[in-house]
Amino acid sequence: MKRRLPQISELRSLMKFEPINLDRRAARLAKAADVWDIRAIAKRRTPTPAFDYVDGAAQRELTYRRSRRVFDSIELIPRILHGTASADLSTTIAGAKSSLPFGIAPTGFTRFMHAEGETGAVRAAARAGIPFSLSTMGTRSLEEVAEAAPESRRWFQLYLWKDRDKSRELLQRARDSGYDTLLVTVDTPVAGQRLRDARNGMVIPPKLNLKTVLDASYRPEWWFNFLTTDSLKFASLSNTSTDLPTLINSMFDPTLSFADLEWIRSIWPGKLFVKGVLTAEDARKSVDAGADGLVVSNHGGRQLDRAPVSFEALSEVRAEVGRDVEIILDSGIMSGADIVASLCAGADFVLIGRAYLYGLMAGGEEGVDRVIELLAEEIRVNMQLMGAATIADLGPELMRRRPPEFKG
């Protein structure tokens, strides 16, 4: 092998150093290659009770882990020489266009994760052209979220109160504030047993004790934001600040029935989706009670542990209601491939909960932007490799399932 002296001209062309980015938040987020990287940043920068509230699930967290194993078992089928130069990621859901086939799921306690909370998330959703869902347990009110991003498409998630007059008032406020779609969550008659939260003593506002102070010592930004912004509260409800199980079990109605769903349908003029459907029987009853669509969801594994995996329940629900009823898949989405697999399996749309909250914890509004950007690019690349030019091209022929290894 002949050798020579290095050529300075050649080295010069290789030595192209990136300028130092003084915006450390932007620099951190730019290095993240996927949502799992975003999650790692979130864990470093967020106090343990807040991170575990997002990251955890009910009891032994079996449902959440099984959901991930099912997604990981899906094979997506590439089609070669299919002439797909680009992919159109837009779709229609609940009577309007979405630029991407996913939206922001309703989440509670959101400003506990990051002070920008729902305000940052709805602005990121508006920029991306996707729906944002506000939870009844949100820490910004219906009106505040609408004011933060008046151009956004907004959905409202309702838990039915024992006090029907207050439920009616909430729905009227939502309608007056421009929320076009209602998600009625029906899988939370009582709070699930979320053991991480119990062990962490997770309440709003957080209790300051020795453990909390030590946890805060290397996460100063979170605490600075928390201490210098307005106090946390369930803004659409009242000024109540308490632990989640106590609030749910004291305010919400464990006797909710399909008759109550019919009552909600009678007073809500917009689109209505029932969230928490996992069986053909419940799907049929929900549609018969007036639902326009269904959200197949196990609440991210956060309610009944050992509940069915949403992805596996999807085919049963679709077979029962046919193609005329829109179905949204929720629970466990962490990648663009998960979204593509869900669309192939029969979902019309997907909601992301944990994934966007990891972004919020990692970098506020910019972190949510980054999560949406990463998921959109993953969807685009997967679709092009699969020869799918539009969302409508994604069907069951483009996926297959390998049985996941059972680990309990």
Protein backbone atom coordinates (compact mmCIF):
# COMPACT_ATOMS: atom_id res chain seq x y z
CA MET A 1 0.00 0.00 0.00
CA LYS A 2 1.49 3.30 -1.07
CA ARG A 3 1.33 6.19 1.33
CA ARG A 4 1.56 9.93 0.91
CA LEU A 5 1.57 13.03 3.05
CA PRO A 6 -1.87 14.42 3.97
CA GLN A 7 -3.02 17.06 1.51
CA ILE A 8 -3.97 20.31 3.27
CA SER A 9 -6.50 21.19 0.56
CA GLU A 10 -8.30 17.88 1.08
CA LEU A 11 -8.32 18.26 4.87
CA ARG A 12 -9.71 21.76 4.57
CA SER A 13 -12.76 20.48 2.71
CA LEU A 14 -13.40 17.93 5.48
CA MET A 15 -12.98 20.29 8.43
CA LYS A 16 -16.41 21.88 8.53
CA PHE A 17 -17.26 22.48 12.17
CA GLU A 18 -20.79 23.33 13.19
CA PRO A 19 -21.16 26.72 14.91
CA ILE A 20 -21.85 26.52 18.64
CA ASN A 21 -25.55 26.89 19.33
CA LEU A 22 -25.96 29.12 22.37
CA ASP A 23 -29.63 28.15 22.65
CA ARG A 24 -29.09 25.06 24.76
CA ARG A 25 -32.73 23.95 24.63
CA ALA A 26 -32.71 24.02 20.83
CA ALA A 27 -29.35 22.25 20.76
CA ARG A 28 -30.59 19.44 23.02
CA LEU A 29 -33.73 18.91 21.00
CA ALA A 30 -31.88 18.97 17.68
CA LYS A 31 -29.72 16.03 18.81
CA ALA A 32 -32.76 13.87 19.52
CA ALA A 33 -33.20 11.32 16.73
CA ASP A 34 -36.51 9.88 17.92
CA VAL A 35 -39.12 10.14 20.67
CA TRP A 36 -37.14 7.76 22.89
CA ASP A 37 -34.28 10.28 22.84
CA ILE A 38 -36.79 12.98 23.77
CA ARG A 39 -37.96 10.80 26.66
CA ALA A 40 -34.38 10.50 27.94
CA ILE A 41 -34.03 14.30 27.95
CA ALA A 42 -37.37 14.63 29.72
CA LYS A 43 -36.30 12.23 32.45
CA ARG A 44 -33.13 14.20 33.14
CA ARG A 45 -34.88 17.54 33.30
CA THR A 46 -38.14 16.80 35.14
CA PRO A 47 -38.73 15.99 38.82
CA THR A 48 -39.45 12.34 39.44
CA PRO A 49 -43.16 12.66 40.43
CA ALA A 50 -43.98 14.60 37.26
CA PHE A 51 -41.98 12.30 34.99
CA ASP A 52 -43.40 9.15 36.57
CA TYR A 53 -46.95 10.48 36.26
CA VAL A 54 -46.45 10.52 32.48
CA ASP A 55 -44.24 7.47 32.18
CA GLY A 56 -46.14 5.17 34.52
CA ALA A 57 -49.29 3.10 34.27
CA ALA A 58 -51.62 1.14 36.53
CA GLN A 59 -50.57 -1.49 39.04
CA ARG A 60 -47.83 -3.71 37.52
CA GLU A 61 -47.98 -1.77 34.23
CA LEU A 62 -48.61 -4.98 32.28
CA THR A 63 -51.00 -3.40 29.78
CA TYR A 64 -48.55 -0.66 28.88
CA ARG A 65 -45.65 -3.09 28.40
CA ARG A 66 -47.80 -5.47 26.35
CA SER A 67 -48.89 -2.56 24.15
CA ARG A 68 -45.29 -1.76 23.34
CA ARG A 69 -44.49 -5.41 22.58
CA VAL A 70 -47.42 -5.62 20.18
CA PHE A 71 -46.30 -2.51 18.28
CA ASP A 72 -42.77 -3.88 18.13
CA SER A 73 -44.07 -7.15 16.66
CA ILE A 74 -45.61 -5.47 13.60
CA GLU A 75 -43.90 -5.89 10.25
CA LEU A 76 -44.43 -3.19 7.61
CA ILE A 77 -44.22 -4.47 4.05
CA PRO A 78 -42.02 -2.55 1.59
CA ARG A 79 -43.05 -2.31 -2.06
CA ILE A 80 -40.22 -1.85 -4.52
CA LEU A 81 -40.23 0.05 -7.80
CA HIS A 82 -43.57 1.55 -6.88
CA GLY A 83 -42.92 5.08 -8.16
CA THR A 84 -43.63 6.99 -4.94
CA ALA A 85 -41.66 10.22 -5.14
CA SER A 86 -43.45 11.86 -2.22
CA ALA A 87 -46.06 11.15 0.43
CA ASP A 88 -49.10 13.23 1.33
CA LEU A 89 -49.56 12.94 5.10
CA SER A 90 -52.82 14.88 5.30
CA THR A 91 -56.15 13.28 6.11
CA THR A 92 -59.67 14.15 7.22
CA ILE A 93 -61.01 13.41 10.69
CA ALA A 94 -64.20 14.48 12.47
CA GLY A 95 -65.31 16.53 9.49
CA ALA A 96 -62.17 18.59 8.91
CA LYS A 97 -58.67 18.30 7.49
CA SER A 98 -55.58 17.49 9.54
CA SER A 99 -52.14 18.02 8.01
CA LEU A 100 -50.91 14.85 9.71
CA PRO A 101 -52.67 11.58 10.62
CA PHE A 102 -52.26 12.19 14.34
CA GLY A 103 -53.29 14.74 16.94
CA ILE A 104 -52.60 15.67 20.56
CA ALA A 105 -54.43 13.50 23.09
CA PRO A 106 -56.15 14.98 26.15
CA THR A 107 -53.89 14.88 29.21
CA GLY A 108 -54.40 16.08 32.76
CA PHE A 109 -52.01 17.95 35.08
CA THR A 110 -50.19 19.24 31.99
CA ARG A 111 -48.51 22.29 33.53
CA PHE A 112 -47.08 19.97 36.18
CA MET A 113 -44.90 18.52 33.39
CA HIS A 114 -43.75 21.94 32.20
CA ALA A 115 -44.95 25.44 32.99
CA GLU A 116 -45.89 26.11 29.35
CA GLY A 117 -48.42 23.27 29.56
CA GLU A 118 -51.48 23.34 27.34
CA THR A 119 -50.57 26.75 25.95
CA GLY A 120 -47.32 25.48 24.47
CA ALA A 121 -48.93 22.28 23.21
CA VAL A 122 -51.87 23.95 21.45
CA ARG A 123 -49.56 26.43 19.73
CA ALA A 124 -47.35 23.59 18.49
CA ALA A 125 -50.43 21.72 17.25
CA ALA A 126 -51.70 24.82 15.46
CA ARG A 127 -48.38 25.28 13.64
CA ALA A 128 -48.45 21.64 12.56
CA GLY A 129 -52.09 21.83 11.43
CA ILE A 130 -53.29 19.05 13.74
CA PRO A 131 -56.03 18.89 16.40
CA PHE A 132 -55.30 19.60 20.06
CA SER A 133 -57.47 17.95 22.72
CA LEU A 134 -58.00 19.68 26.06
CA SER A 135 -58.76 17.50 29.07
CA THR A 136 -61.42 18.19 31.66
CA MET A 137 -58.44 17.87 34.03
CA GLY A 138 -56.45 20.50 32.12
CA THR A 139 -54.44 23.15 33.93
CA ARG A 140 -55.49 25.86 31.49
CA SER A 141 -59.16 26.63 30.96
CA LEU A 142 -61.17 26.19 27.80
CA GLU A 143 -61.04 29.92 27.23
CA GLU A 144 -57.31 30.27 27.94
CA VAL A 145 -56.41 27.56 25.44
CA ALA A 146 -58.63 29.09 22.78
CA GLU A 147 -57.06 32.50 23.37
CA ALA A 148 -53.53 31.09 23.18
CA ALA A 149 -54.08 29.72 19.66
CA PRO A 150 -57.33 31.01 18.16
CA GLU A 151 -56.40 29.56 14.75
CA SER A 152 -55.99 26.04 16.18
CA ARG A 153 -58.39 23.16 15.77
CA ARG A 154 -59.53 22.27 19.27
CA TRP A 155 -61.28 19.22 20.73
CA PHE A 156 -62.56 18.88 24.29
CA GLN A 157 -62.46 15.74 26.41
CA LEU A 158 -65.27 15.33 28.93
CA TYR A 159 -65.59 13.29 32.08
CA LEU A 160 -69.20 13.30 33.15
CA TRP A 161 -69.67 14.97 36.54
CA LYS A 162 -72.16 13.82 39.10
CA ASP A 163 -73.53 17.35 38.76
CA ARG A 164 -75.21 17.33 35.31
CA ASP A 165 -75.67 21.10 35.34
CA LYS A 166 -71.90 21.56 35.58
CA SER A 167 -71.41 19.13 32.70
CA ARG A 168 -73.86 21.11 30.59
CA GLU A 169 -72.06 24.34 31.52
CA LEU A 170 -68.69 22.87 30.48
CA LEU A 171 -70.08 21.79 27.12
CA GLN A 172 -71.59 25.21 26.49
CA ARG A 173 -68.26 26.88 27.32
CA ALA A 174 -66.48 24.50 24.95
CA ARG A 175 -68.89 25.27 22.15
CA ASP A 176 -68.69 29.02 22.77
CA SER A 177 -64.87 28.79 22.67
CA GLY A 178 -64.74 27.08 19.29
CA TYR A 179 -64.16 23.42 20.22
CA ASP A 180 -65.66 21.41 17.38
CA THR A 181 -65.32 17.82 18.61
CA LEU A 182 -66.12 16.18 21.94
CA LEU A 183 -64.28 13.15 23.28
CA VAL A 184 -66.34 11.50 26.03
CA THR A 185 -64.00 9.39 28.16
CA VAL A 186 -65.89 6.40 29.55
CA ASP A 187 -63.13 4.22 31.04
CA THR A 188 -62.61 6.22 34.24
CA PRO A 189 -65.56 5.56 36.56
CA VAL A 190 -62.95 5.45 39.32
CA ALA A 191 -59.23 6.21 39.26
CA GLY A 192 -56.86 3.40 38.32
CA GLN A 193 -54.26 2.33 40.87
CA ARG A 194 -51.14 4.11 39.63
CA LEU A 195 -48.54 2.83 42.03
CA ARG A 196 -45.70 5.08 40.91
CA ASP A 197 -47.84 8.10 41.80
CA ALA A 198 -48.78 6.60 45.15
CA ARG A 199 -45.14 5.90 45.99
CA ASN A 200 -44.12 9.39 44.92
CA GLY A 201 -46.99 11.05 46.82
CA MET A 202 -47.89 12.80 43.57
CA VAL A 203 -50.19 15.76 44.22
CA ILE A 204 -50.76 19.21 42.76
CA PRO A 205 -49.14 21.37 43.97
CA PRO A 206 -46.13 19.17 44.83
CA LYS A 207 -45.24 18.91 48.49
CA LEU A 208 -41.91 20.40 49.49
CA ASN A 209 -40.03 17.96 51.70
CA LEU A 210 -36.43 16.79 51.90
CA LYS A 211 -36.86 14.31 49.05
CA THR A 212 -38.52 16.95 46.86
CA VAL A 213 -35.81 19.51 47.55
CA LEU A 214 -33.04 17.03 46.71
CA ASP A 215 -34.86 16.06 43.52
CA ALA A 216 -35.09 19.74 42.59
CA SER A 217 -31.44 20.49 43.23
CA TYR A 218 -30.33 19.31 39.79
CA ARG A 219 -33.48 20.36 37.93
CA PRO A 220 -33.49 24.10 38.65
CA GLU A 221 -35.22 25.19 35.43
CA TRP A 222 -38.37 23.20 36.19
CA TRP A 223 -38.57 24.61 39.71
CA PHE A 224 -37.83 28.16 38.61
CA ASN A 225 -40.67 27.93 36.09
CA PHE A 226 -42.99 26.37 38.65
CA LEU A 227 -42.29 28.97 41.34
CA THR A 228 -42.46 32.02 39.05
CA THR A 229 -45.72 31.24 37.21
CA ASP A 230 -49.31 31.15 38.42
CA SER A 231 -50.36 28.30 40.67
CA LEU A 232 -51.54 24.99 39.27
CA LYS A 233 -55.25 24.23 39.25
CA PHE A 234 -57.79 22.29 37.24
CA ALA A 235 -58.66 25.43 35.37
CA SER A 236 -61.84 24.37 33.57
CA LEU A 237 -63.33 23.02 36.80
CA SER A 238 -62.48 25.19 39.75
CA ASN A 239 -59.47 26.19 41.81
CA THR A 240 -59.24 22.64 43.13
CA SER A 241 -55.72 21.27 43.65
CA THR A 242 -55.59 17.76 45.07
CA ASP A 243 -54.40 14.24 44.27
CA LEU A 244 -55.93 12.62 41.20
CA PRO A 245 -57.71 9.62 42.76
CA THR A 246 -59.42 11.79 45.38
CA LEU A 247 -60.57 14.28 42.75
CA ILE A 248 -61.90 11.66 40.34
CA ASN A 249 -63.59 9.59 43.01
CA SER A 250 -65.27 12.64 44.58
CA MET A 251 -66.33 14.54 41.44
CA PHE A 252 -66.96 12.04 38.67
CA ASP A 253 -69.74 9.53 38.24
CA PRO A 254 -69.09 5.76 38.50
CA THR A 255 -72.71 5.10 37.48
CA LEU A 256 -72.24 6.54 33.97
CA SER A 257 -74.37 4.56 31.51
CA PHE A 258 -75.30 4.58 27.84
CA ALA A 259 -78.38 6.61 28.78
CA ASP A 260 -76.02 9.34 29.99
CA LEU A 261 -74.17 9.14 26.69
CA GLU A 262 -77.47 9.68 24.89
CA TRP A 263 -78.05 12.74 27.10
CA ILE A 264 -74.64 14.16 26.16
CA ARG A 265 -75.44 13.52 22.50
CA SER A 266 -78.70 15.44 22.87
CA ILE A 267 -76.97 18.61 24.10
CA TRP A 268 -73.72 18.54 22.08
CA PRO A 269 -74.19 19.75 18.48
CA GLY A 270 -70.70 18.93 17.19
CA LYS A 271 -68.90 15.69 16.46
CA LEU A 272 -68.89 13.21 19.36
CA PHE A 273 -66.37 10.40 19.86
CA VAL A 274 -66.52 7.86 22.69
CA LYS A 275 -63.05 7.29 24.16
CA GLY A 276 -62.20 4.03 25.89
CA VAL A 277 -63.86 1.45 23.62
CA LEU A 278 -62.15 -1.97 23.49
CA THR A 279 -64.89 -4.45 22.51
CA ALA A 280 -67.35 -4.95 19.66
CA GLU A 281 -70.29 -4.84 22.07
CA ASP A 282 -69.32 -1.46 23.52
CA ALA A 283 -68.56 -0.13 20.05
CA ARG A 284 -72.04 -1.03 18.81
CA LYS A 285 -73.75 0.40 21.89
CA SER A 286 -71.77 3.65 21.59
CA VAL A 287 -72.74 4.13 17.97
CA ASP A 288 -76.37 3.28 18.74
CA ALA A 289 -76.31 5.93 21.50
CA GLY A 290 -75.31 8.56 18.95
CA ALA A 291 -71.52 8.54 18.73
CA ASP A 292 -70.09 9.78 15.44
CA GLY A 293 -66.81 7.96 16.06
CA LEU A 294 -64.85 5.85 18.52
CA VAL A 295 -61.49 6.12 20.23
CA VAL A 296 -60.09 2.64 20.75
CA SER A 297 -58.08 3.18 23.91
CA ASN A 298 -56.99 1.47 27.10
CA HIS A 299 -56.09 4.86 28.61
CA GLY A 300 -52.41 4.17 28.02
CA GLY A 301 -52.59 1.26 30.45
CA ARG A 302 -53.33 3.75 33.22
CA GLN A 303 -56.74 2.48 34.32
CA LEU A 304 -57.41 -1.28 34.30
CA ASP A 305 -54.17 -3.22 34.23
CA ARG A 306 -54.47 -6.40 32.12
CA ALA A 307 -56.96 -4.59 29.87
CA PRO A 308 -56.84 -5.49 26.16
CA VAL A 309 -54.15 -3.89 24.04
CA SER A 310 -55.72 -1.12 21.93
CA PHE A 311 -54.02 -2.23 18.72
CA GLU A 312 -55.34 -5.77 19.14
CA ALA A 313 -58.87 -4.52 19.91
CA LEU A 314 -58.91 -2.36 16.79
CA SER A 315 -59.80 -5.14 14.32
CA GLU A 316 -62.74 -6.33 16.44
CA VAL A 317 -64.13 -2.82 16.74
CA ARG A 318 -63.66 -2.09 13.03
CA ALA A 319 -65.37 -5.32 12.04
CA GLU A 320 -68.36 -4.43 14.21
CA VAL A 321 -68.96 -0.85 13.03
CA GLY A 322 -67.72 -1.03 9.43
CA ARG A 323 -65.94 1.65 7.44
CA ASP A 324 -68.59 4.37 7.90
CA VAL A 325 -67.68 5.03 11.55
CA GLU A 326 -64.40 6.86 12.15
CA ILE A 327 -62.01 5.16 14.55
CA ILE A 328 -59.12 6.82 16.34
CA LEU A 329 -56.42 4.69 18.00
CA ASP A 330 -54.93 5.83 21.29
CA SER A 331 -52.42 4.32 23.74
CA GLY A 332 -48.76 3.43 23.37
CA ILE A 333 -47.77 5.41 20.24
CA MET A 334 -44.06 6.27 20.31
CA SER A 335 -43.01 6.40 16.66
CA GLY A 336 -44.11 7.14 13.13
CA ALA A 337 -43.96 3.42 12.45
CA ASP A 338 -46.51 2.85 15.25
CA ILE A 339 -48.79 5.39 13.57
CA VAL A 340 -48.38 3.82 10.12
CA ALA A 341 -49.07 0.36 11.56
CA SER A 342 -52.24 1.67 13.25
CA LEU A 343 -53.49 3.19 9.99
CA CYS A 344 -52.74 -0.04 8.12
CA ALA A 345 -54.68 -1.99 10.76
CA GLY A 346 -57.83 0.06 10.25
CA ALA A 347 -57.56 3.25 12.30
CA ASP A 348 -58.49 6.52 10.60
CA PHE A 349 -56.40 8.65 12.96
CA VAL A 350 -54.14 8.39 16.00
CA LEU A 351 -53.71 10.37 19.22
CA ILE A 352 -50.39 10.85 21.00
CA GLY A 353 -50.28 11.40 24.75
CA ARG A 354 -47.05 10.31 26.43
CA ALA A 355 -45.02 11.13 23.32
CA TYR A 356 -46.01 14.80 23.25
CA LEU A 357 -45.67 15.10 27.03
CA TYR A 358 -42.10 13.84 26.81
CA GLY A 359 -41.49 16.66 24.34
CA LEU A 360 -43.12 19.18 26.67
CA MET A 361 -40.94 18.05 29.57
CA ALA A 362 -37.81 18.04 27.42
CA GLY A 363 -38.25 21.52 25.99
CA GLY A 364 -41.65 23.12 26.47
CA GLU A 365 -43.38 24.25 23.30
CA GLU A 366 -40.22 23.66 21.26
CA GLY A 367 -40.10 20.10 22.56
CA VAL A 368 -43.64 19.44 21.33
CA ASP A 369 -42.66 20.91 17.96
CA ARG A 370 -39.72 18.51 17.84
CA VAL A 371 -41.84 15.45 18.66
CA ILE A 372 -44.34 16.33 15.94
CA GLU A 373 -41.48 16.91 13.49
CA LEU A 374 -39.85 13.56 14.31
CA LEU A 375 -43.10 11.61 14.02
CA ALA A 376 -44.04 13.30 10.75
CA GLU A 377 -40.68 12.52 9.17
CA GLU A 378 -40.83 8.90 10.32
CA ILE A 379 -44.31 8.54 8.80
CA ARG A 380 -43.13 10.11 5.54
CA VAL A 381 -40.11 7.82 5.19
CA ASN A 382 -42.10 4.69 6.09
CA MET A 383 -44.82 5.54 3.59
CA GLN A 384 -42.34 6.11 0.77
CA LEU A 385 -40.54 2.84 1.53
CA MET A 386 -43.92 1.09 1.52
CA GLY A 387 -45.00 2.67 -1.76
CA ALA A 388 -47.87 4.61 -0.18
CA ALA A 389 -48.43 8.05 -1.68
CA THR A 390 -51.39 8.95 0.56
CA ILE A 391 -52.84 7.91 3.91
CA ALA A 392 -55.63 6.14 1.98
CA ASP A 393 -52.99 3.83 0.46
CA LEU A 394 -52.18 2.34 3.87
CA GLY A 395 -54.09 -0.91 4.30
CA PRO A 396 -53.83 -4.37 5.88
CA GLU A 397 -51.90 -5.73 2.91
CA LEU A 398 -48.95 -3.53 3.94
CA MET A 399 -48.47 -5.05 7.40
CA ARG A 400 -48.33 -8.36 9.19
CA ARG A 401 -47.97 -9.43 12.78
CA ARG A 402 -45.32 -11.63 14.32
CA PRO A 403 -46.47 -13.08 17.68
CA PRO A 404 -44.63 -11.13 20.39
CA GLU A 405 -42.78 -13.13 22.99
CA PHE A 406 -44.96 -13.36 26.08
CA LYS A 407 -43.23 -12.01 29.17
CA GLY A 408 -46.19 -11.36 31.47
